[in-house]
Amino acid sequence: MIEKLLPDAVAVAEEFGPPSPAPLLPGEEAAVARAVAKRRLEYASVRACARRALADIGRPPVALPPGERGAPAWPAGVVGSMTHCDGYRAAAVAPAASVAAVGIDAEPHAPLPDGVFEAIALPSETFRHAALARTAPGVHWDRLLFSAKEAVYKAWFPVTRLWLDFEGADITLGPDGTFAVRVLRAPGPGEGPLPAAYSGRWLVADGLVATAVAEPAR
């Protein structure tokens, strides 16, 4: 599903339905040592997806423990992103020489819980949401906005190593399956130039909403 949203340089592996049992490599176990069974299965399954995607770009299987702020520790020379939700796990990877950053996210295609949209949406996004809801009421645009912000952060953090909250990016969702991102966070003292914009793509299928961002290497 998510592979439809990404350029050919990005390898994607995904799994639908209940998570399949998968082995963990040394270094991965500690993060879920006290987790419930469902969380452990999802954690292992999405890493199995990541290792399949790595194989597609000619990389050997490696441990992928969560690092700073939970971001996966990808091998040198590789960029990637993982996502999981009920009924779906996926990983996307690419050589850093071809792709500078990638972020993916998948969510159930359902309304956000009460109060969440108000917490994540900027006034400009709230205004656009009302128009989108009238134009295409079959899409849960609130959930789509949440997913797009998650995908943007997953592309942003590995490059900048800086936090980007929900109010740090103004996202314009297009009914054509694209979205445009204007980053509002300005560089702080001692911080170099930061990405100012992203573009992404989205789709709704199989009861899920998926979003993806891929920035070409420069």
C-alpha atoms as a PDB file:
ATOM      1  CA  MET A   1       0.000   0.000   0.000  1.00  0.00           C
ATOM      2  CA  ILE A   2       2.575   2.584   1.093  1.00  0.00           C
ATOM      3  CA  GLU A   3       4.855   1.689  -1.825  1.00  0.00           C
ATOM      4  CA  LYS A   4       2.329   3.471  -4.070  1.00  0.00           C
ATOM      5  CA  LEU A   5       3.229   6.720  -2.297  1.00  0.00           C
ATOM      6  CA  LEU A   6       7.005   6.507  -2.585  1.00  0.00           C
ATOM      7  CA  PRO A   7       9.595   6.781  -5.385  1.00  0.00           C
ATOM      8  CA  ASP A   8      11.205   3.693  -6.884  1.00  0.00           C
ATOM      9  CA  ALA A   9      14.426   4.255  -4.921  1.00  0.00           C
ATOM     10  CA  VAL A  10      12.573   3.399  -1.697  1.00  0.00           C
ATOM     11  CA  ALA A  11      12.077  -0.284  -0.865  1.00  0.00           C
ATOM     12  CA  VAL A  12       8.937  -1.149   1.080  1.00  0.00           C
ATOM     13  CA  ALA A  13       7.885  -4.278   2.946  1.00  0.00           C
ATOM     14  CA  GLU A  14       4.502  -4.547   4.614  1.00  0.00           C
ATOM     15  CA  GLU A  15       2.216  -6.990   6.396  1.00  0.00           C
ATOM     16  CA  PHE A  16      -1.551  -6.952   6.750  1.00  0.00           C
ATOM     17  CA  GLY A  17      -3.698  -8.646   9.361  1.00  0.00           C
ATOM     18  CA  PRO A  18      -2.590  -9.852  12.792  1.00  0.00           C
ATOM     19  CA  PRO A  19       1.165  -9.562  13.337  1.00  0.00           C
ATOM     20  CA  SER A  20       3.151 -12.695  12.643  1.00  0.00           C
ATOM     21  CA  PRO A  21       5.645 -13.921  15.262  1.00  0.00           C
ATOM     22  CA  ALA A  22       9.158 -12.876  14.295  1.00  0.00           C
ATOM     23  CA  PRO A  23      12.544 -13.209  15.996  1.00  0.00           C
ATOM     24  CA  LEU A  24      14.242 -10.237  17.606  1.00  0.00           C
ATOM     25  CA  LEU A  25      17.951  -9.659  17.131  1.00  0.00           C
ATOM     26  CA  PRO A  26      20.337  -8.835  19.982  1.00  0.00           C
ATOM     27  CA  GLY A  27      19.766  -5.298  21.195  1.00  0.00           C
ATOM     28  CA  GLU A  28      16.083  -5.163  20.226  1.00  0.00           C
ATOM     29  CA  GLU A  29      14.609  -7.104  23.141  1.00  0.00           C
ATOM     30  CA  ALA A  30      15.218  -4.518  25.875  1.00  0.00           C
ATOM     31  CA  ALA A  31      12.749  -2.005  24.444  1.00  0.00           C
ATOM     32  CA  VAL A  32       9.806  -4.402  24.792  1.00  0.00           C
ATOM     33  CA  ALA A  33      10.964  -6.519  27.734  1.00  0.00           C
ATOM     34  CA  ARG A  34       8.003  -5.345  29.824  1.00  0.00           C
ATOM     35  CA  ALA A  35       5.541  -4.756  26.997  1.00  0.00           C
ATOM     36  CA  VAL A  36       2.243  -6.595  26.581  1.00  0.00           C
ATOM     37  CA  ALA A  37       2.119  -9.441  24.065  1.00  0.00           C
ATOM     38  CA  LYS A  38       0.389  -7.375  21.346  1.00  0.00           C
ATOM     39  CA  ARG A  39       3.023  -4.642  21.515  1.00  0.00           C
ATOM     40  CA  ARG A  40       5.840  -7.217  21.376  1.00  0.00           C
ATOM     41  CA  LEU A  41       4.338  -8.888  18.305  1.00  0.00           C
ATOM     42  CA  GLU A  42       3.926  -5.551  16.470  1.00  0.00           C
ATOM     43  CA  TYR A  43       7.455  -4.471  17.397  1.00  0.00           C
ATOM     44  CA  ALA A  44       8.972  -7.707  16.102  1.00  0.00           C
ATOM     45  CA  SER A  45       6.771  -7.868  13.012  1.00  0.00           C
ATOM     46  CA  VAL A  46       7.581  -4.348  11.817  1.00  0.00           C
ATOM     47  CA  ARG A  47      11.301  -5.033  12.262  1.00  0.00           C
ATOM     48  CA  ALA A  48      10.944  -8.172  10.177  1.00  0.00           C
ATOM     49  CA  CYS A  49       9.400  -5.936   7.501  1.00  0.00           C
ATOM     50  CA  ALA A  50      12.354  -3.573   7.812  1.00  0.00           C
ATOM     51  CA  ARG A  51      14.861  -6.382   7.344  1.00  0.00           C
ATOM     52  CA  ARG A  52      13.022  -7.558   4.222  1.00  0.00           C
ATOM     53  CA  ALA A  53      13.148  -4.010   2.859  1.00  0.00           C
ATOM     54  CA  LEU A  54      16.856  -3.766   3.677  1.00  0.00           C
ATOM     55  CA  ALA A  55      17.458  -6.989   1.743  1.00  0.00           C
ATOM     56  CA  ASP A  56      15.761  -5.399  -1.268  1.00  0.00           C
ATOM     57  CA  ILE A  57      18.441  -2.688  -1.348  1.00  0.00           C
ATOM     58  CA  GLY A  58      21.231  -5.200  -0.831  1.00  0.00           C
ATOM     59  CA  ARG A  59      21.757  -4.724   2.890  1.00  0.00           C
ATOM     60  CA  PRO A  60      22.206  -7.576   5.400  1.00  0.00           C
ATOM     61  CA  PRO A  61      19.832  -8.093   8.322  1.00  0.00           C
ATOM     62  CA  VAL A  62      20.745  -5.935  11.317  1.00  0.00           C
ATOM     63  CA  ALA A  63      19.276  -5.151  14.708  1.00  0.00           C
ATOM     64  CA  LEU A  64      17.070  -2.065  14.693  1.00  0.00           C
ATOM     65  CA  PRO A  65      16.689  -0.960  18.314  1.00  0.00           C
ATOM     66  CA  PRO A  66      14.915   2.311  19.003  1.00  0.00           C
ATOM     67  CA  GLY A  67      17.331   5.185  19.497  1.00  0.00           C
ATOM     68  CA  GLU A  68      16.852   8.815  20.416  1.00  0.00           C
ATOM     69  CA  ARG A  69      13.148   9.704  20.786  1.00  0.00           C
ATOM     70  CA  GLY A  70      12.303   6.193  19.612  1.00  0.00           C
ATOM     71  CA  ALA A  71      13.646   6.652  16.076  1.00  0.00           C
ATOM     72  CA  PRO A  72      15.018   3.370  14.637  1.00  0.00           C
ATOM     73  CA  ALA A  73      18.809   3.074  14.491  1.00  0.00           C
ATOM     74  CA  TRP A  74      19.283   2.481  10.759  1.00  0.00           C
ATOM     75  CA  PRO A  75      22.618   1.274   9.346  1.00  0.00           C
ATOM     76  CA  ALA A  76      25.062   3.883   8.079  1.00  0.00           C
ATOM     77  CA  GLY A  77      24.182   5.021   4.581  1.00  0.00           C
ATOM     78  CA  VAL A  78      20.510   4.075   4.918  1.00  0.00           C
ATOM     79  CA  VAL A  79      17.428   6.178   5.628  1.00  0.00           C
ATOM     80  CA  GLY A  80      14.178   4.596   6.679  1.00  0.00           C
ATOM     81  CA  SER A  81      10.911   4.719   8.528  1.00  0.00           C
ATOM     82  CA  MET A  82       8.538   2.217  10.140  1.00  0.00           C
ATOM     83  CA  THR A  83       4.877   2.308  11.084  1.00  0.00           C
ATOM     84  CA  HIS A  84       2.343  -0.019  12.636  1.00  0.00           C
ATOM     85  CA  CYS A  85      -1.293   0.095  13.661  1.00  0.00           C
ATOM     86  CA  ASP A  86      -4.047  -2.467  14.114  1.00  0.00           C
ATOM     87  CA  GLY A  87      -3.978  -4.731  11.064  1.00  0.00           C
ATOM     88  CA  TYR A  88      -0.909  -3.265   9.365  1.00  0.00           C
ATOM     89  CA  ARG A  89       2.876  -3.009   9.658  1.00  0.00           C
ATOM     90  CA  ALA A  90       5.275  -1.466   7.126  1.00  0.00           C
ATOM     91  CA  ALA A  91       8.856  -0.328   6.708  1.00  0.00           C
ATOM     92  CA  ALA A  92      10.437   1.818   4.002  1.00  0.00           C
ATOM     93  CA  VAL A  93      14.201   2.138   3.417  1.00  0.00           C
ATOM     94  CA  ALA A  94      16.478   3.681   0.812  1.00  0.00           C
ATOM     95  CA  PRO A  95      20.162   4.392   0.208  1.00  0.00           C
ATOM     96  CA  ALA A  96      21.016   7.797   1.651  1.00  0.00           C
ATOM     97  CA  ALA A  97      22.779   8.589  -1.626  1.00  0.00           C
ATOM     98  CA  SER A  98      19.379   8.514  -3.365  1.00  0.00           C
ATOM     99  CA  VAL A  99      16.943   9.694  -0.693  1.00  0.00           C
ATOM    100  CA  ALA A 100      17.720  12.246   2.010  1.00  0.00           C
ATOM    101  CA  ALA A 101      14.781  11.462   4.267  1.00  0.00           C
ATOM    102  CA  VAL A 102      11.714   9.245   4.361  1.00  0.00           C
ATOM    103  CA  GLY A 103       8.758   9.172   6.709  1.00  0.00           C
ATOM    104  CA  ILE A 104       5.728   6.896   6.600  1.00  0.00           C
ATOM    105  CA  ASP A 105       2.654   6.520   8.759  1.00  0.00           C
ATOM    106  CA  ALA A 106      -0.505   4.409   8.724  1.00  0.00           C
ATOM    107  CA  GLU A 107      -3.599   4.797  10.858  1.00  0.00           C
ATOM    108  CA  PRO A 108      -7.063   3.269  11.028  1.00  0.00           C
ATOM    109  CA  HIS A 109      -9.351   5.209   8.701  1.00  0.00           C
ATOM    110  CA  ALA A 110     -11.631   6.441  11.459  1.00  0.00           C
ATOM    111  CA  PRO A 111     -12.281   9.750  13.223  1.00  0.00           C
ATOM    112  CA  LEU A 112      -9.752  10.872  15.797  1.00  0.00           C
ATOM    113  CA  PRO A 113     -10.812  10.561  19.451  1.00  0.00           C
ATOM    114  CA  ASP A 114     -12.591  13.585  20.880  1.00  0.00           C
ATOM    115  CA  GLY A 115     -10.285  16.521  21.472  1.00  0.00           C
ATOM    116  CA  VAL A 116      -7.310  15.228  19.500  1.00  0.00           C
ATOM    117  CA  PHE A 117      -7.936  17.214  16.327  1.00  0.00           C
ATOM    118  CA  GLU A 118      -8.255  20.432  18.329  1.00  0.00           C
ATOM    119  CA  ALA A 119      -4.925  19.614  20.007  1.00  0.00           C
ATOM    120  CA  ILE A 120      -2.966  19.009  16.777  1.00  0.00           C
ATOM    121  CA  ALA A 121      -4.501  21.372  14.219  1.00  0.00           C
ATOM    122  CA  LEU A 122      -3.433  24.941  13.571  1.00  0.00           C
ATOM    123  CA  PRO A 123      -6.183  27.517  12.892  1.00  0.00           C
ATOM    124  CA  SER A 124      -5.283  27.450   9.190  1.00  0.00           C
ATOM    125  CA  GLU A 125      -5.599  23.663   9.138  1.00  0.00           C
ATOM    126  CA  THR A 126      -8.931  23.807  10.961  1.00  0.00           C
ATOM    127  CA  PHE A 127     -10.235  26.241   8.348  1.00  0.00           C
ATOM    128  CA  ARG A 128      -9.151  24.011   5.468  1.00  0.00           C
ATOM    129  CA  HIS A 129     -10.512  20.934   7.223  1.00  0.00           C
ATOM    130  CA  ALA A 130     -14.039  22.324   7.142  1.00  0.00           C
ATOM    131  CA  ALA A 131     -13.853  22.812   3.379  1.00  0.00           C
ATOM    132  CA  LEU A 132     -12.385  19.350   2.784  1.00  0.00           C
ATOM    133  CA  ALA A 133     -15.059  17.718   4.930  1.00  0.00           C
ATOM    134  CA  ARG A 134     -17.731  19.320   2.748  1.00  0.00           C
ATOM    135  CA  THR A 135     -15.976  18.417  -0.502  1.00  0.00           C
ATOM    136  CA  ALA A 136     -15.138  14.786   0.329  1.00  0.00           C
ATOM    137  CA  PRO A 137     -17.066  13.663   3.410  1.00  0.00           C
ATOM    138  CA  GLY A 138     -16.020  10.038   2.887  1.00  0.00           C
ATOM    139  CA  VAL A 139     -12.457  10.801   4.019  1.00  0.00           C
ATOM    140  CA  HIS A 140     -11.651  11.222   7.700  1.00  0.00           C
ATOM    141  CA  TRP A 141      -9.559  14.333   7.138  1.00  0.00           C
ATOM    142  CA  ASP A 142      -8.806  14.746  10.828  1.00  0.00           C
ATOM    143  CA  ARG A 143      -7.106  11.350  10.948  1.00  0.00           C
ATOM    144  CA  LEU A 144      -5.349  12.081   7.664  1.00  0.00           C
ATOM    145  CA  LEU A 145      -3.899  15.311   9.083  1.00  0.00           C
ATOM    146  CA  PHE A 146      -2.667  13.468  12.170  1.00  0.00           C
ATOM    147  CA  SER A 147      -1.016  10.806   9.994  1.00  0.00           C
ATOM    148  CA  ALA A 148       0.637  13.393   7.733  1.00  0.00           C
ATOM    149  CA  LYS A 149       2.122  15.165  10.751  1.00  0.00           C
ATOM    150  CA  GLU A 150       3.501  11.862  12.010  1.00  0.00           C
ATOM    151  CA  ALA A 151       5.093  11.117   8.627  1.00  0.00           C
ATOM    152  CA  VAL A 152       6.630  14.592   8.480  1.00  0.00           C
ATOM    153  CA  TYR A 153       8.168  14.205  11.923  1.00  0.00           C
ATOM    154  CA  LYS A 154       9.636  10.825  10.980  1.00  0.00           C
ATOM    155  CA  ALA A 155      11.345  12.459   7.982  1.00  0.00           C
ATOM    156  CA  TRP A 156      12.388  15.549   9.971  1.00  0.00           C
ATOM    157  CA  PHE A 157      13.939  14.104  13.118  1.00  0.00           C
ATOM    158  CA  PRO A 158      16.688  11.840  11.701  1.00  0.00           C
ATOM    159  CA  VAL A 159      17.998  14.791   9.670  1.00  0.00           C
ATOM    160  CA  THR A 160      17.770  17.529  12.291  1.00  0.00           C
ATOM    161  CA  ARG A 161      17.829  15.578  15.606  1.00  0.00           C
ATOM    162  CA  LEU A 162      15.355  18.225  16.818  1.00  0.00           C
ATOM    163  CA  TRP A 163      11.819  17.985  18.157  1.00  0.00           C
ATOM    164  CA  LEU A 164       8.990  19.178  15.907  1.00  0.00           C
ATOM    165  CA  ASP A 165       5.622  19.376  17.627  1.00  0.00           C
ATOM    166  CA  PHE A 166       2.237  19.278  15.921  1.00  0.00           C
ATOM    167  CA  GLU A 167       2.128  23.069  15.745  1.00  0.00           C
ATOM    168  CA  GLY A 168       5.530  23.191  14.042  1.00  0.00           C
ATOM    169  CA  ALA A 169       4.216  22.255  10.599  1.00  0.00           C
ATOM    170  CA  ASP A 170       1.304  23.705   8.641  1.00  0.00           C
ATOM    171  CA  ILE A 171      -0.028  20.999   6.320  1.00  0.00           C
ATOM    172  CA  THR A 172      -2.287  21.581   3.346  1.00  0.00           C
ATOM    173  CA  LEU A 173      -4.041  18.360   2.377  1.00  0.00           C
ATOM    174  CA  GLY A 174      -5.094  18.030  -1.237  1.00  0.00           C
ATOM    175  CA  PRO A 175      -8.082  15.963  -2.372  1.00  0.00           C
ATOM    176  CA  ASP A 176      -5.840  14.642  -5.174  1.00  0.00           C
ATOM    177  CA  GLY A 177      -3.791  12.471  -2.800  1.00  0.00           C
ATOM    178  CA  THR A 178      -1.000  14.966  -2.142  1.00  0.00           C
ATOM    179  CA  PHE A 179      -0.104  17.285   0.704  1.00  0.00           C
ATOM    180  CA  ALA A 180       2.224  20.255   1.130  1.00  0.00           C
ATOM    181  CA  VAL A 181       4.075  21.062   4.335  1.00  0.00           C
ATOM    182  CA  ARG A 182       5.338  24.433   5.518  1.00  0.00           C
ATOM    183  CA  VAL A 183       7.648  24.071   8.516  1.00  0.00           C
ATOM    184  CA  LEU A 184       7.074  26.852  11.036  1.00  0.00           C
ATOM    185  CA  ARG A 185       9.892  26.020  13.426  1.00  0.00           C
ATOM    186  CA  ALA A 186      12.720  28.534  13.092  1.00  0.00           C
ATOM    187  CA  PRO A 187      16.331  27.607  13.844  1.00  0.00           C
ATOM    188  CA  GLY A 188      17.362  28.230  17.428  1.00  0.00           C
ATOM    189  CA  PRO A 189      20.741  29.474  18.688  1.00  0.00           C
ATOM    190  CA  GLY A 190      23.507  27.304  17.306  1.00  0.00           C
ATOM    191  CA  GLU A 191      21.186  25.427  14.950  1.00  0.00           C
ATOM    192  CA  GLY A 192      21.998  25.411  11.263  1.00  0.00           C
ATOM    193  CA  PRO A 193      19.503  25.778   8.417  1.00  0.00           C
ATOM    194  CA  LEU A 194      16.468  23.553   8.845  1.00  0.00           C
ATOM    195  CA  PRO A 195      14.156  22.011   6.246  1.00  0.00           C
ATOM    196  CA  ALA A 196      11.511  24.609   5.434  1.00  0.00           C
ATOM    197  CA  ALA A 197       9.070  22.524   3.400  1.00  0.00           C
ATOM    198  CA  TYR A 198       8.111  19.007   2.443  1.00  0.00           C
ATOM    199  CA  SER A 199       5.716  17.432  -0.009  1.00  0.00           C
ATOM    200  CA  GLY A 200       3.931  14.154   0.552  1.00  0.00           C
ATOM    201  CA  ARG A 201       1.298  11.783  -0.703  1.00  0.00           C
ATOM    202  CA  TRP A 202      -1.608   9.971   0.918  1.00  0.00           C
ATOM    203  CA  LEU A 203      -4.172   7.292   0.205  1.00  0.00           C
ATOM    204  CA  VAL A 204      -7.099   5.564   1.850  1.00  0.00           C
ATOM    205  CA  ALA A 205      -7.484   1.810   1.286  1.00  0.00           C
ATOM    206  CA  ASP A 206      -8.400  -1.355   3.140  1.00  0.00           C
ATOM    207  CA  GLY A 207      -9.760   0.578   6.116  1.00  0.00           C
ATOM    208  CA  LEU A 208      -6.469   2.446   6.570  1.00  0.00           C
ATOM    209  CA  VAL A 209      -5.103   5.877   5.812  1.00  0.00           C
ATOM    210  CA  ALA A 210      -1.433   6.022   4.811  1.00  0.00           C
ATOM    211  CA  THR A 211       0.897   8.982   4.350  1.00  0.00           C
ATOM    212  CA  ALA A 212       4.463   9.261   3.111  1.00  0.00           C
ATOM    213  CA  VAL A 213       7.193  11.838   2.666  1.00  0.00           C
ATOM    214  CA  ALA A 214      10.389  11.226   0.656  1.00  0.00           C
ATOM    215  CA  GLU A 215      12.996  13.914   0.077  1.00  0.00           C
ATOM    216  CA  PRO A 216      15.498  13.300  -2.727  1.00  0.00           C
ATOM    217  CA  ALA A 217      19.187  13.522  -1.883  1.00  0.00           C
ATOM    218  CA  ARG A 218      20.899  16.710  -2.970  1.00  0.00           C
END
